[in-house]
Every structure is written in C-alpha cells, then in structure tokens.
C-alpha cells in the first residue's frame, strides 16, 4: 500500500488549483510544458501542468525518508535482451 497519492496533468490556472489546495493536496511543482508530440525536445511551455501529492497516512514524510530503493540484480540486467 502506498504512502501518498500523486495527481498530474492538471492545468496551471483555474478553480481546480484552489480546490486542490483547499482539500490538503500538496503542490510539488510544474512540468516542463513538453507535450507527448515533442519530437525535438524543446519545451515551449504551452502545456505546463501542476503536480500535486496527497498523503494517505500521517507519517508519509518519515516513510518516504526511510524507504529503501528497489534492489536490481546484475543478473537481470545481463539477461534483458
């Protein structure tokens, strides 16, 4: 079970941002504004979105700090193809 829920693809202006903040969603930041059709890796900023996180438990910050990164074996890397 996760410690937090993440929501993305939200417009940077409008009433949703106000509602999200009022409902205790925590803003993480904005995207680069690169859409999925960006072939040339250039951000024009036209599709910037906000990312929010919502803690699902009271000690989410402690859980995230203490979380262990996933272990990847070198055997799996050698046998990927």
C-alpha atoms as a PDB file:
ATOM      1  CA  UNK A   1       0.000   0.000   0.000  1.00  0.00           C
ATOM      2  CA  UNK A   2       1.352   3.389  -0.939  1.00  0.00           C
ATOM      3  CA  UNK A   3       2.019   6.260   1.418  1.00  0.00           C
ATOM      4  CA  UNK A   4       0.928   9.033  -0.917  1.00  0.00           C
ATOM      5  CA  UNK A   5      -1.182   9.549  -3.989  1.00  0.00           C
ATOM      6  CA  UNK A   6       0.083  11.647  -6.888  1.00  0.00           C
ATOM      7  CA  UNK A   7      -2.045  13.543  -9.351  1.00  0.00           C
ATOM      8  CA  UNK A   8      -0.758  15.144 -12.512  1.00  0.00           C
ATOM      9  CA  UNK A   9      -1.954  16.594 -15.777  1.00  0.00           C
ATOM     10  CA  UNK A  10      -3.739  19.489 -14.123  1.00  0.00           C
ATOM     11  CA  UNK A  11      -3.916  22.904 -15.743  1.00  0.00           C
ATOM     12  CA  UNK A  12      -1.868  25.635 -14.064  1.00  0.00           C
ATOM     13  CA  UNK A  13      -4.765  28.025 -13.685  1.00  0.00           C
ATOM     14  CA  UNK A  14      -8.404  27.718 -12.789  1.00  0.00           C
ATOM     15  CA  UNK A  15     -10.607  26.709  -9.921  1.00  0.00           C
ATOM     16  CA  UNK A  16      -9.197  23.168  -9.659  1.00  0.00           C
ATOM     17  CA  UNK A  17      -5.954  24.502  -8.150  1.00  0.00           C
ATOM     18  CA  UNK A  18      -7.875  26.361  -5.463  1.00  0.00           C
ATOM     19  CA  UNK A  19      -9.993  23.300  -4.718  1.00  0.00           C
ATOM     20  CA  UNK A  20      -6.933  21.018  -4.588  1.00  0.00           C
ATOM     21  CA  UNK A  21      -5.149  23.261  -2.106  1.00  0.00           C
ATOM     22  CA  UNK A  22      -8.304  23.560  -0.005  1.00  0.00           C
ATOM     23  CA  UNK A  23      -8.560  19.743   0.083  1.00  0.00           C
ATOM     24  CA  UNK A  24      -4.988  19.474   1.502  1.00  0.00           C
ATOM     25  CA  UNK A  25      -3.284  18.381  -1.727  1.00  0.00           C
ATOM     26  CA  UNK A  26       0.364  19.489  -1.610  1.00  0.00           C
ATOM     27  CA  UNK A  27       1.759  21.132  -4.769  1.00  0.00           C
ATOM     28  CA  UNK A  28       5.037  19.521  -5.920  1.00  0.00           C
ATOM     29  CA  UNK A  29       5.775  21.743  -8.894  1.00  0.00           C
ATOM     30  CA  UNK A  30       5.159  22.265 -12.577  1.00  0.00           C
ATOM     31  CA  UNK A  31       6.051  20.182 -15.592  1.00  0.00           C
ATOM     32  CA  UNK A  32       8.347  21.447 -18.343  1.00  0.00           C
ATOM     33  CA  UNK A  33       5.433  22.005 -20.692  1.00  0.00           C
ATOM     34  CA  UNK A  34       6.531  19.400 -23.202  1.00  0.00           C
ATOM     35  CA  UNK A  35       3.640  17.530 -24.761  1.00  0.00           C
ATOM     36  CA  UNK A  36       3.759  13.930 -25.918  1.00  0.00           C
ATOM     37  CA  UNK A  37       4.281  15.042 -29.519  1.00  0.00           C
ATOM     38  CA  UNK A  38       7.541  16.854 -28.678  1.00  0.00           C
ATOM     39  CA  UNK A  39       9.973  15.337 -31.184  1.00  0.00           C
ATOM     40  CA  UNK A  40      12.698  17.934 -30.851  1.00  0.00           C
ATOM     41  CA  UNK A  41      12.926  18.011 -27.036  1.00  0.00           C
ATOM     42  CA  UNK A  42      12.076  21.682 -26.793  1.00  0.00           C
ATOM     43  CA  UNK A  43       9.730  22.972 -24.158  1.00  0.00           C
ATOM     44  CA  UNK A  44       7.533  25.743 -25.462  1.00  0.00           C
ATOM     45  CA  UNK A  45       5.675  25.978 -22.158  1.00  0.00           C
ATOM     46  CA  UNK A  46       2.249  25.761 -23.756  1.00  0.00           C
ATOM     47  CA  UNK A  47       1.260  22.552 -21.957  1.00  0.00           C
ATOM     48  CA  UNK A  48       2.539  23.247 -18.423  1.00  0.00           C
ATOM     49  CA  UNK A  49       0.739  21.232 -15.759  1.00  0.00           C
ATOM     50  CA  UNK A  50       0.820  21.184 -11.965  1.00  0.00           C
ATOM     51  CA  UNK A  51       1.700  18.088  -9.924  1.00  0.00           C
ATOM     52  CA  UNK A  52       0.060  17.527  -6.544  1.00  0.00           C
ATOM     53  CA  UNK A  53       0.555  14.860  -3.881  1.00  0.00           C
ATOM     54  CA  UNK A  54      -1.906  13.791  -1.206  1.00  0.00           C
ATOM     55  CA  UNK A  55      -0.612  11.968   1.895  1.00  0.00           C
ATOM     56  CA  UNK A  56      -2.532   8.762   2.598  1.00  0.00           C
ATOM     57  CA  UNK A  57      -1.075   8.330   6.084  1.00  0.00           C
ATOM     58  CA  UNK A  58       0.075  10.695   8.817  1.00  0.00           C
ATOM     59  CA  UNK A  59       3.751   9.711   8.741  1.00  0.00           C
ATOM     60  CA  UNK A  60       4.231   9.901   4.971  1.00  0.00           C
ATOM     61  CA  UNK A  61       7.364  12.079   5.224  1.00  0.00           C
ATOM     62  CA  UNK A  62       9.061   9.628   7.589  1.00  0.00           C
ATOM     63  CA  UNK A  63       8.086   6.643   5.418  1.00  0.00           C
ATOM     64  CA  UNK A  64       9.458   8.294   2.286  1.00  0.00           C
ATOM     65  CA  UNK A  65      12.730   9.163   4.049  1.00  0.00           C
ATOM     66  CA  UNK A  66      13.175   5.613   5.353  1.00  0.00           C
ATOM     67  CA  UNK A  67      12.130   3.831   2.162  1.00  0.00           C
ATOM     68  CA  UNK A  68      14.728   1.547   0.644  1.00  0.00           C
ATOM     69  CA  UNK A  69      15.365   1.811  -3.089  1.00  0.00           C
ATOM     70  CA  UNK A  70      14.450  -1.299  -5.084  1.00  0.00           C
ATOM     71  CA  UNK A  71      17.216  -3.850  -5.488  1.00  0.00           C
ATOM     72  CA  UNK A  72      18.139  -4.787  -9.023  1.00  0.00           C
ATOM     73  CA  UNK A  73      20.370  -7.760  -9.580  1.00  0.00           C
ATOM     74  CA  UNK A  74      23.124  -7.658 -12.168  1.00  0.00           C
ATOM     75  CA  UNK A  75      21.752 -10.985 -13.416  1.00  0.00           C
ATOM     76  CA  UNK A  76      18.525  -9.292 -14.523  1.00  0.00           C
ATOM     77  CA  UNK A  77      20.467  -6.532 -16.309  1.00  0.00           C
ATOM     78  CA  UNK A  78      22.598  -9.055 -18.194  1.00  0.00           C
ATOM     79  CA  UNK A  79      19.562 -11.020 -19.351  1.00  0.00           C
ATOM     80  CA  UNK A  80      17.337  -8.182 -20.548  1.00  0.00           C
ATOM     81  CA  UNK A  81      17.665  -8.837 -24.257  1.00  0.00           C
END
